[in-house]
PDB file of all heavy atoms in Angstrom:
ATOM      1  N   HIS A   1     -13.325  -4.613  -8.861  1.00  0.00           N
ATOM      2  CA  HIS A   1     -12.858  -5.060  -7.553  1.00  0.00           C
ATOM      3  C   HIS A   1     -11.463  -4.502  -7.316  1.00  0.00           C
ATOM      4  O   HIS A   1     -10.584  -4.649  -8.179  1.00  0.00           O
ATOM      5  CB  HIS A   1     -12.840  -6.584  -7.500  1.00  0.00           C
ATOM      6  CG  HIS A   1     -12.506  -7.135  -6.160  1.00  0.00           C
ATOM      7  ND1 HIS A   1     -13.195  -6.833  -5.009  1.00  0.00           N
ATOM      8  CD2 HIS A   1     -11.519  -7.989  -5.773  1.00  0.00           C
ATOM      9  CE1 HIS A   1     -12.674  -7.470  -3.981  1.00  0.00           C
ATOM     10  NE2 HIS A   1     -11.643  -8.183  -4.414  1.00  0.00           N
ATOM     11  N   LEU A   2     -11.260  -3.867  -6.164  1.00  0.00           N
ATOM     12  CA  LEU A   2      -9.986  -3.236  -5.837  1.00  0.00           C
ATOM     13  C   LEU A   2      -9.392  -3.863  -4.578  1.00  0.00           C
ATOM     14  O   LEU A   2     -10.114  -4.075  -3.596  1.00  0.00           O
ATOM     15  CB  LEU A   2     -10.179  -1.733  -5.602  1.00  0.00           C
ATOM     16  CG  LEU A   2     -10.816  -0.943  -6.738  1.00  0.00           C
ATOM     17  CD1 LEU A   2     -11.104   0.488  -6.306  1.00  0.00           C
ATOM     18  CD2 LEU A   2      -9.933  -0.957  -7.971  1.00  0.00           C
ATOM     19  N   VAL A   3      -8.107  -4.119  -4.613  1.00  0.00           N
ATOM     20  CA  VAL A   3      -7.427  -4.688  -3.452  1.00  0.00           C
ATOM     21  C   VAL A   3      -6.148  -3.907  -3.205  1.00  0.00           C
ATOM     22  O   VAL A   3      -5.277  -3.842  -4.075  1.00  0.00           O
ATOM     23  CB  VAL A   3      -7.096  -6.176  -3.664  1.00  0.00           C
ATOM     24  CG1 VAL A   3      -6.347  -6.718  -2.441  1.00  0.00           C
ATOM     25  CG2 VAL A   3      -8.362  -6.984  -3.915  1.00  0.00           C
ATOM     26  N   GLU A   4      -6.044  -3.335  -1.995  1.00  0.00           N
ATOM     27  CA  GLU A   4      -4.838  -2.585  -1.629  1.00  0.00           C
ATOM     28  C   GLU A   4      -3.862  -3.478  -0.886  1.00  0.00           C
ATOM     29  O   GLU A   4      -4.257  -4.473  -0.268  1.00  0.00           O
ATOM     30  CB  GLU A   4      -5.174  -1.395  -0.718  1.00  0.00           C
ATOM     31  CG  GLU A   4      -6.199  -0.429  -1.235  1.00  0.00           C
ATOM     32  CD  GLU A   4      -7.561  -0.696  -0.673  1.00  0.00           C
ATOM     33  OE1 GLU A   4      -7.836  -1.870  -0.317  1.00  0.00           O
ATOM     34  OE2 GLU A   4      -8.373   0.248  -0.568  1.00  0.00           O
ATOM     35  N   SER A   5      -2.607  -3.076  -0.914  1.00  0.00           N
ATOM     36  CA  SER A   5      -1.584  -3.761  -0.131  1.00  0.00           C
ATOM     37  C   SER A   5      -0.442  -2.789   0.137  1.00  0.00           C
ATOM     38  O   SER A   5      -0.324  -1.753  -0.522  1.00  0.00           O
ATOM     39  CB  SER A   5      -1.061  -4.994  -0.857  1.00  0.00           C
ATOM     40  OG  SER A   5      -0.456  -4.626  -2.083  1.00  0.00           O
ATOM     41  N   GLY A   6       0.406  -3.152   1.110  1.00  0.00           N
ATOM     42  CA  GLY A   6       1.621  -2.379   1.363  1.00  0.00           C
ATOM     43  C   GLY A   6       1.633  -1.588   2.656  1.00  0.00           C
ATOM     44  O   GLY A   6       2.682  -1.091   3.061  1.00  0.00           O
ATOM     45  N   GLY A   7       0.505  -1.467   3.316  1.00  0.00           N
ATOM     46  CA  GLY A   7       0.491  -0.701   4.552  1.00  0.00           C
ATOM     47  C   GLY A   7       1.196  -1.432   5.690  1.00  0.00           C
ATOM     48  O   GLY A   7       1.134  -2.649   5.789  1.00  0.00           O
ATOM     49  N   ARG A   8       1.896  -0.658   6.532  1.00  0.00           N
ATOM     50  CA  ARG A   8       2.565  -1.235   7.694  1.00  0.00           C
ATOM     51  C   ARG A   8       3.015  -0.138   8.622  1.00  0.00           C
ATOM     52  O   ARG A   8       2.790   1.044   8.367  1.00  0.00           O
ATOM     53  CB  ARG A   8       3.746  -2.099   7.265  1.00  0.00           C
ATOM     54  CG  ARG A   8       4.843  -1.358   6.497  1.00  0.00           C
ATOM     55  CD  ARG A   8       5.921  -2.342   6.062  1.00  0.00           C
ATOM     56  NE  ARG A   8       6.968  -1.702   5.282  1.00  0.00           N
ATOM     57  CZ  ARG A   8       8.072  -1.187   5.818  1.00  0.00           C
ATOM     58  NH1 ARG A   8       8.252  -1.230   7.121  1.00  0.00           N
ATOM     59  NH2 ARG A   8       8.997  -0.643   5.044  1.00  0.00           N
ATOM     60  N   LEU A   9       3.667  -0.518   9.707  1.00  0.00           N
ATOM     61  CA  LEU A   9       4.218   0.422  10.668  1.00  0.00           C
ATOM     62  C   LEU A   9       5.616   0.854  10.229  1.00  0.00           C
ATOM     63  O   LEU A   9       6.465  -0.009   9.947  1.00  0.00           O
ATOM     64  CB  LEU A   9       4.287  -0.235  12.043  1.00  0.00           C
ATOM     65  CG  LEU A   9       5.019   0.535  13.153  1.00  0.00           C
ATOM     66  CD1 LEU A   9       4.289   1.819  13.496  1.00  0.00           C
ATOM     67  CD2 LEU A   9       5.174  -0.359  14.383  1.00  0.00           C
ATOM     68  N   VAL A  10       5.820   2.170  10.159  1.00  0.00           N
ATOM     69  CA  VAL A  10       7.129   2.706   9.802  1.00  0.00           C
ATOM     70  C   VAL A  10       7.461   3.858  10.741  1.00  0.00           C
ATOM     71  O   VAL A  10       6.603   4.374  11.442  1.00  0.00           O
ATOM     72  CB  VAL A  10       7.179   3.203   8.341  1.00  0.00           C
ATOM     73  CG1 VAL A  10       6.974   2.054   7.364  1.00  0.00           C
ATOM     74  CG2 VAL A  10       6.160   4.310   8.103  1.00  0.00           C
ATOM     75  N   GLN A  11       8.719   4.299  10.690  1.00  0.00           N
ATOM     76  CA  GLN A  11       9.144   5.431  11.506  1.00  0.00           C
ATOM     77  C   GLN A  11       9.045   6.735  10.719  1.00  0.00           C
ATOM     78  O   GLN A  11       9.016   6.729   9.478  1.00  0.00           O
ATOM     79  CB  GLN A  11      10.572   5.216  11.982  1.00  0.00           C
ATOM     80  CG  GLN A  11      10.730   4.060  12.954  1.00  0.00           C
ATOM     81  CD  GLN A  11      12.128   3.958  13.515  1.00  0.00           C
ATOM     82  OE1 GLN A  11      13.096   4.361  12.873  1.00  0.00           O
ATOM     83  NE2 GLN A  11      12.238   3.413  14.721  1.00  0.00           N
ATOM     84  N   THR A  12       9.011   7.829  11.429  1.00  0.00           N
ATOM     85  CA  THR A  12       9.004   9.146  10.792  1.00  0.00           C
ATOM     86  C   THR A  12      10.183   9.277   9.835  1.00  0.00           C
ATOM     87  O   THR A  12      11.309   8.901  10.173  1.00  0.00           O
ATOM     88  CB  THR A  12       9.079  10.252  11.853  1.00  0.00           C
ATOM     89  OG1 THR A  12       7.913  10.188  12.678  1.00  0.00           O
ATOM     90  CG2 THR A  12       9.156  11.626  11.215  1.00  0.00           C
ATOM     91  N   GLY A  13       9.884   9.792   8.653  1.00  0.00           N
ATOM     92  CA  GLY A  13      10.913   9.984   7.649  1.00  0.00           C
ATOM     93  C   GLY A  13      11.083   8.824   6.693  1.00  0.00           C
ATOM     94  O   GLY A  13      11.792   8.948   5.685  1.00  0.00           O
ATOM     95  N   ALA A  14      10.441   7.720   6.983  1.00  0.00           N
ATOM     96  CA  ALA A  14      10.579   6.538   6.136  1.00  0.00           C
ATOM     97  C   ALA A  14       9.768   6.683   4.850  1.00  0.00           C
ATOM     98  O   ALA A  14       8.961   7.607   4.688  1.00  0.00           O
ATOM     99  CB  ALA A  14      10.120   5.299   6.906  1.00  0.00           C
ATOM    100  N   SER A  15       9.990   5.755   3.940  1.00  0.00           N
ATOM    101  CA  SER A  15       9.235   5.682   2.686  1.00  0.00           C
ATOM    102  C   SER A  15       8.423   4.396   2.660  1.00  0.00           C
ATOM    103  O   SER A  15       8.806   3.392   3.272  1.00  0.00           O
ATOM    104  CB  SER A  15      10.179   5.720   1.481  1.00  0.00           C
ATOM    105  OG  SER A  15      10.866   6.950   1.402  1.00  0.00           O
ATOM    106  N   LEU A  16       7.333   4.442   1.921  1.00  0.00           N
ATOM    107  CA  LEU A  16       6.444   3.288   1.821  1.00  0.00           C
ATOM    108  C   LEU A  16       5.699   3.370   0.496  1.00  0.00           C
ATOM    109  O   LEU A  16       5.352   4.466   0.050  1.00  0.00           O
ATOM    110  CB  LEU A  16       5.450   3.303   2.983  1.00  0.00           C
ATOM    111  CG  LEU A  16       4.645   2.052   3.293  1.00  0.00           C
ATOM    112  CD1 LEU A  16       5.575   0.903   3.661  1.00  0.00           C
ATOM    113  CD2 LEU A  16       3.666   2.329   4.431  1.00  0.00           C
ATOM    114  N   THR A  17       5.481   2.221  -0.126  1.00  0.00           N
ATOM    115  CA  THR A  17       4.722   2.194  -1.377  1.00  0.00           C
ATOM    116  C   THR A  17       3.456   1.374  -1.193  1.00  0.00           C
ATOM    117  O   THR A  17       3.524   0.207  -0.805  1.00  0.00           O
ATOM    118  CB  THR A  17       5.550   1.593  -2.521  1.00  0.00           C
ATOM    119  OG1 THR A  17       6.739   2.364  -2.708  1.00  0.00           O
ATOM    120  CG2 THR A  17       4.739   1.605  -3.819  1.00  0.00           C
ATOM    121  N   LEU A  18       2.331   1.979  -1.462  1.00  0.00           N
ATOM    122  CA  LEU A  18       1.056   1.277  -1.453  1.00  0.00           C
ATOM    123  C   LEU A  18       0.704   0.876  -2.880  1.00  0.00           C
ATOM    124  O   LEU A  18       0.976   1.617  -3.825  1.00  0.00           O
ATOM    125  CB  LEU A  18      -0.047   2.160  -0.887  1.00  0.00           C
ATOM    126  CG  LEU A  18       0.153   2.720   0.527  1.00  0.00           C
ATOM    127  CD1 LEU A  18      -1.081   3.505   0.951  1.00  0.00           C
ATOM    128  CD2 LEU A  18       0.446   1.604   1.505  1.00  0.00           C
ATOM    129  N   SER A  19       0.101  -0.301  -3.009  1.00  0.00           N
ATOM    130  CA  SER A  19      -0.321  -0.778  -4.322  1.00  0.00           C
ATOM    131  C   SER A  19      -1.799  -1.114  -4.294  1.00  0.00           C
ATOM    132  O   SER A  19      -2.352  -1.476  -3.254  1.00  0.00           O
ATOM    133  CB  SER A  19       0.475  -2.022  -4.718  1.00  0.00           C
ATOM    134  OG  SER A  19       1.847  -1.721  -4.830  1.00  0.00           O
ATOM    135  N   CYS A  20      -2.410  -1.008  -5.456  1.00  0.00           N
ATOM    136  CA  CYS A  20      -3.825  -1.356  -5.614  1.00  0.00           C
ATOM    137  C   CYS A  20      -3.980  -2.074  -6.937  1.00  0.00           C
ATOM    138  O   CYS A  20      -3.554  -1.560  -7.969  1.00  0.00           O
ATOM    139  CB  CYS A  20      -4.683  -0.094  -5.585  1.00  0.00           C
ATOM    140  SG  CYS A  20      -6.431  -0.352  -5.954  1.00  0.00           S
ATOM    141  N   THR A  21      -4.550  -3.253  -6.890  1.00  0.00           N
ATOM    142  CA  THR A  21      -4.828  -3.979  -8.120  1.00  0.00           C
ATOM    143  C   THR A  21      -6.320  -3.915  -8.414  1.00  0.00           C
ATOM    144  O   THR A  21      -7.146  -4.025  -7.508  1.00  0.00           O
ATOM    145  CB  THR A  21      -4.370  -5.438  -8.035  1.00  0.00           C
ATOM    146  OG1 THR A  21      -5.023  -6.042  -6.916  1.00  0.00           O
ATOM    147  CG2 THR A  21      -2.876  -5.508  -7.825  1.00  0.00           C
ATOM    148  N   ALA A  22      -6.640  -3.756  -9.687  1.00  0.00           N
ATOM    149  CA  ALA A  22      -8.028  -3.662 -10.122  1.00  0.00           C
ATOM    150  C   ALA A  22      -8.378  -4.838 -11.007  1.00  0.00           C
ATOM    151  O   ALA A  22      -7.587  -5.250 -11.848  1.00  0.00           O
ATOM    152  CB  ALA A  22      -8.245  -2.358 -10.883  1.00  0.00           C
ATOM    153  N   SER A  23      -9.558  -5.374 -10.823  1.00  0.00           N
ATOM    154  CA  SER A  23     -10.041  -6.463 -11.667  1.00  0.00           C
ATOM    155  C   SER A  23     -11.512  -6.235 -11.975  1.00  0.00           C
ATOM    156  O   SER A  23     -12.178  -5.436 -11.329  1.00  0.00           O
ATOM    157  CB  SER A  23      -9.836  -7.810 -10.973  1.00  0.00           C
ATOM    158  OG  SER A  23     -10.551  -7.856  -9.754  1.00  0.00           O
ATOM    159  N   GLY A  24     -11.994  -6.943 -12.982  1.00  0.00           N
ATOM    160  CA  GLY A  24     -13.383  -6.786 -13.394  1.00  0.00           C
ATOM    161  C   GLY A  24     -13.510  -5.848 -14.580  1.00  0.00           C
ATOM    162  O   GLY A  24     -12.647  -5.826 -15.457  1.00  0.00           O
TER     163      GLY A  24
END
């Protein structure tokens, strides 16, 4: 089972980190 998080609205040039947790 995979669950992502971290997505959002940002401006050009910004940084963002997406995470995914795995279980099972």
